[in-house]
């Protein structure tokens, strides 16, 4: 029937994963909570994982493990692809994701 979507809090990410920013610690231009994106690459910088993301907002700031908060979007049927390079579609609204955090 329908695909069940789950959101895994601060789960490890790999290239191609769908992610939603919950909180980004950046004094000048953080990605807003609720913004969806796609992981483009992963790096280990001085022992800390950094996930470089193409955000729907146009930003390309990295998520930093242990500093920022995100949700990895996981569907039960990984064959269903809801996003492409120009469009990102998630079933739940930003408001639902942010309210769930409280």
C-alpha atoms as a PDB file:
ATOM      1  CA  UNK A   1       0.000   0.000   0.000  1.00  0.00           C
ATOM      2  CA  UNK A   2       1.727   3.248   1.080  1.00  0.00           C
ATOM      3  CA  UNK A   3       5.330   3.547   2.074  1.00  0.00           C
ATOM      4  CA  UNK A   4       5.949   4.126   5.740  1.00  0.00           C
ATOM      5  CA  UNK A   5       8.351   7.016   6.367  1.00  0.00           C
ATOM      6  CA  UNK A   6      10.499   7.162   9.491  1.00  0.00           C
ATOM      7  CA  UNK A   7      12.780   9.908  10.765  1.00  0.00           C
ATOM      8  CA  UNK A   8      15.948   8.744  12.514  1.00  0.00           C
ATOM      9  CA  UNK A   9      17.439  11.321  14.886  1.00  0.00           C
ATOM     10  CA  UNK A  10      21.080  12.172  14.089  1.00  0.00           C
ATOM     11  CA  UNK A  11      21.558   8.841  12.327  1.00  0.00           C
ATOM     12  CA  UNK A  12      24.834   8.341  10.468  1.00  0.00           C
ATOM     13  CA  UNK A  13      24.495   9.572   6.881  1.00  0.00           C
ATOM     14  CA  UNK A  14      25.937   8.556   3.532  1.00  0.00           C
ATOM     15  CA  UNK A  15      25.955  10.123   0.089  1.00  0.00           C
ATOM     16  CA  UNK A  16      22.431  10.256  -1.366  1.00  0.00           C
ATOM     17  CA  UNK A  17      20.573  10.122   1.969  1.00  0.00           C
ATOM     18  CA  UNK A  18      17.560  12.374   2.439  1.00  0.00           C
ATOM     19  CA  UNK A  19      17.819  14.572   5.524  1.00  0.00           C
ATOM     20  CA  UNK A  20      15.882  17.305   7.315  1.00  0.00           C
ATOM     21  CA  UNK A  21      17.710  19.948   9.323  1.00  0.00           C
ATOM     22  CA  UNK A  22      16.296  20.353  12.826  1.00  0.00           C
ATOM     23  CA  UNK A  23      18.890  22.735  14.262  1.00  0.00           C
ATOM     24  CA  UNK A  24      22.153  24.076  12.895  1.00  0.00           C
ATOM     25  CA  UNK A  25      24.618  25.919  15.091  1.00  0.00           C
ATOM     26  CA  UNK A  26      25.922  28.692  12.835  1.00  0.00           C
ATOM     27  CA  UNK A  27      26.095  32.265  14.101  1.00  0.00           C
ATOM     28  CA  UNK A  28      25.757  33.954  10.719  1.00  0.00           C
ATOM     29  CA  UNK A  29      23.682  31.871   8.312  1.00  0.00           C
ATOM     30  CA  UNK A  30      22.325  28.594   9.686  1.00  0.00           C
ATOM     31  CA  UNK A  31      20.027  26.373   7.653  1.00  0.00           C
ATOM     32  CA  UNK A  32      16.500  26.850   9.046  1.00  0.00           C
ATOM     33  CA  UNK A  33      14.875  24.031  10.997  1.00  0.00           C
ATOM     34  CA  UNK A  34      12.621  21.918   8.789  1.00  0.00           C
ATOM     35  CA  UNK A  35      14.692  22.447   5.623  1.00  0.00           C
ATOM     36  CA  UNK A  36      15.096  19.236   3.570  1.00  0.00           C
ATOM     37  CA  UNK A  37      18.222  18.290   1.661  1.00  0.00           C
ATOM     38  CA  UNK A  38      20.311  15.542   0.091  1.00  0.00           C
ATOM     39  CA  UNK A  39      23.712  14.430   1.397  1.00  0.00           C
ATOM     40  CA  UNK A  40      26.311  15.033  -1.328  1.00  0.00           C
ATOM     41  CA  UNK A  41      29.429  13.783   0.515  1.00  0.00           C
ATOM     42  CA  UNK A  42      30.810  12.790   3.905  1.00  0.00           C
ATOM     43  CA  UNK A  43      34.176  13.745   5.401  1.00  0.00           C
ATOM     44  CA  UNK A  44      36.060  13.020   8.593  1.00  0.00           C
ATOM     45  CA  UNK A  45      37.611  16.308   9.719  1.00  0.00           C
ATOM     46  CA  UNK A  46      39.940  15.921  12.715  1.00  0.00           C
ATOM     47  CA  UNK A  47      37.897  12.946  13.942  1.00  0.00           C
ATOM     48  CA  UNK A  48      34.479  14.579  13.472  1.00  0.00           C
ATOM     49  CA  UNK A  49      32.035  13.531  10.739  1.00  0.00           C
ATOM     50  CA  UNK A  50      30.833  16.335   8.487  1.00  0.00           C
ATOM     51  CA  UNK A  51      27.955  15.761   6.093  1.00  0.00           C
ATOM     52  CA  UNK A  52      27.913  18.096   3.098  1.00  0.00           C
ATOM     53  CA  UNK A  53      24.305  18.676   2.087  1.00  0.00           C
ATOM     54  CA  UNK A  54      22.558  20.340  -0.844  1.00  0.00           C
ATOM     55  CA  UNK A  55      19.685  22.079   0.953  1.00  0.00           C
ATOM     56  CA  UNK A  56      16.388  22.983  -0.727  1.00  0.00           C
ATOM     57  CA  UNK A  57      17.022  26.580   0.410  1.00  0.00           C
ATOM     58  CA  UNK A  58      20.086  26.716  -1.874  1.00  0.00           C
ATOM     59  CA  UNK A  59      22.606  26.529   0.964  1.00  0.00           C
ATOM     60  CA  UNK A  60      25.368  23.937   0.982  1.00  0.00           C
ATOM     61  CA  UNK A  61      26.437  24.161   4.627  1.00  0.00           C
ATOM     62  CA  UNK A  62      27.594  20.919   6.223  1.00  0.00           C
ATOM     63  CA  UNK A  63      25.994  19.192   9.182  1.00  0.00           C
ATOM     64  CA  UNK A  64      28.541  18.553  11.929  1.00  0.00           C
ATOM     65  CA  UNK A  65      28.155  15.418  14.025  1.00  0.00           C
ATOM     66  CA  UNK A  66      27.820  16.219  17.723  1.00  0.00           C
ATOM     67  CA  UNK A  67      26.933  19.876  17.051  1.00  0.00           C
ATOM     68  CA  UNK A  68      23.948  20.031  14.692  1.00  0.00           C
ATOM     69  CA  UNK A  69      20.640  18.152  14.809  1.00  0.00           C
ATOM     70  CA  UNK A  70      18.958  16.420  11.877  1.00  0.00           C
ATOM     71  CA  UNK A  71      16.589  13.631  10.950  1.00  0.00           C
ATOM     72  CA  UNK A  72      17.483  11.029   8.355  1.00  0.00           C
ATOM     73  CA  UNK A  73      14.439  10.230   6.204  1.00  0.00           C
ATOM     74  CA  UNK A  74      13.957   6.486   5.723  1.00  0.00           C
ATOM     75  CA  UNK A  75      11.203   4.751   3.760  1.00  0.00           C
ATOM     76  CA  UNK A  76      10.313   1.081   4.065  1.00  0.00           C
ATOM     77  CA  UNK A  77      10.586   0.782   0.282  1.00  0.00           C
ATOM     78  CA  UNK A  78      13.911   2.260  -0.802  1.00  0.00           C
ATOM     79  CA  UNK A  79      12.968   1.713  -4.477  1.00  0.00           C
ATOM     80  CA  UNK A  80      10.570   4.670  -4.292  1.00  0.00           C
ATOM     81  CA  UNK A  81      12.495   7.875  -5.069  1.00  0.00           C
ATOM     82  CA  UNK A  82      10.762  11.093  -4.011  1.00  0.00           C
ATOM     83  CA  UNK A  83      13.496  13.510  -4.987  1.00  0.00           C
ATOM     84  CA  UNK A  84      15.649  14.516  -7.875  1.00  0.00           C
ATOM     85  CA  UNK A  85      18.260  17.226  -8.388  1.00  0.00           C
ATOM     86  CA  UNK A  86      15.708  20.048  -8.683  1.00  0.00           C
ATOM     87  CA  UNK A  87      12.828  19.001  -6.480  1.00  0.00           C
ATOM     88  CA  UNK A  88      12.614  17.535  -2.994  1.00  0.00           C
ATOM     89  CA  UNK A  89       9.299  16.166  -1.729  1.00  0.00           C
ATOM     90  CA  UNK A  90       8.620  14.917   1.778  1.00  0.00           C
ATOM     91  CA  UNK A  91       5.300  13.635   3.047  1.00  0.00           C
ATOM     92  CA  UNK A  92       5.290  15.516   6.350  1.00  0.00           C
ATOM     93  CA  UNK A  93       5.294  19.283   6.683  1.00  0.00           C
ATOM     94  CA  UNK A  94       8.094  21.315   8.243  1.00  0.00           C
ATOM     95  CA  UNK A  95       5.714  22.262  11.057  1.00  0.00           C
ATOM     96  CA  UNK A  96       5.137  18.563  11.913  1.00  0.00           C
ATOM     97  CA  UNK A  97       8.877  17.869  12.067  1.00  0.00           C
ATOM     98  CA  UNK A  98       9.624  20.890  14.274  1.00  0.00           C
ATOM     99  CA  UNK A  99       6.672  20.197  16.609  1.00  0.00           C
ATOM    100  CA  UNK A 100       7.776  16.575  16.984  1.00  0.00           C
ATOM    101  CA  UNK A 101      11.127  17.865  18.319  1.00  0.00           C
ATOM    102  CA  UNK A 102       9.449  19.547  21.307  1.00  0.00           C
END
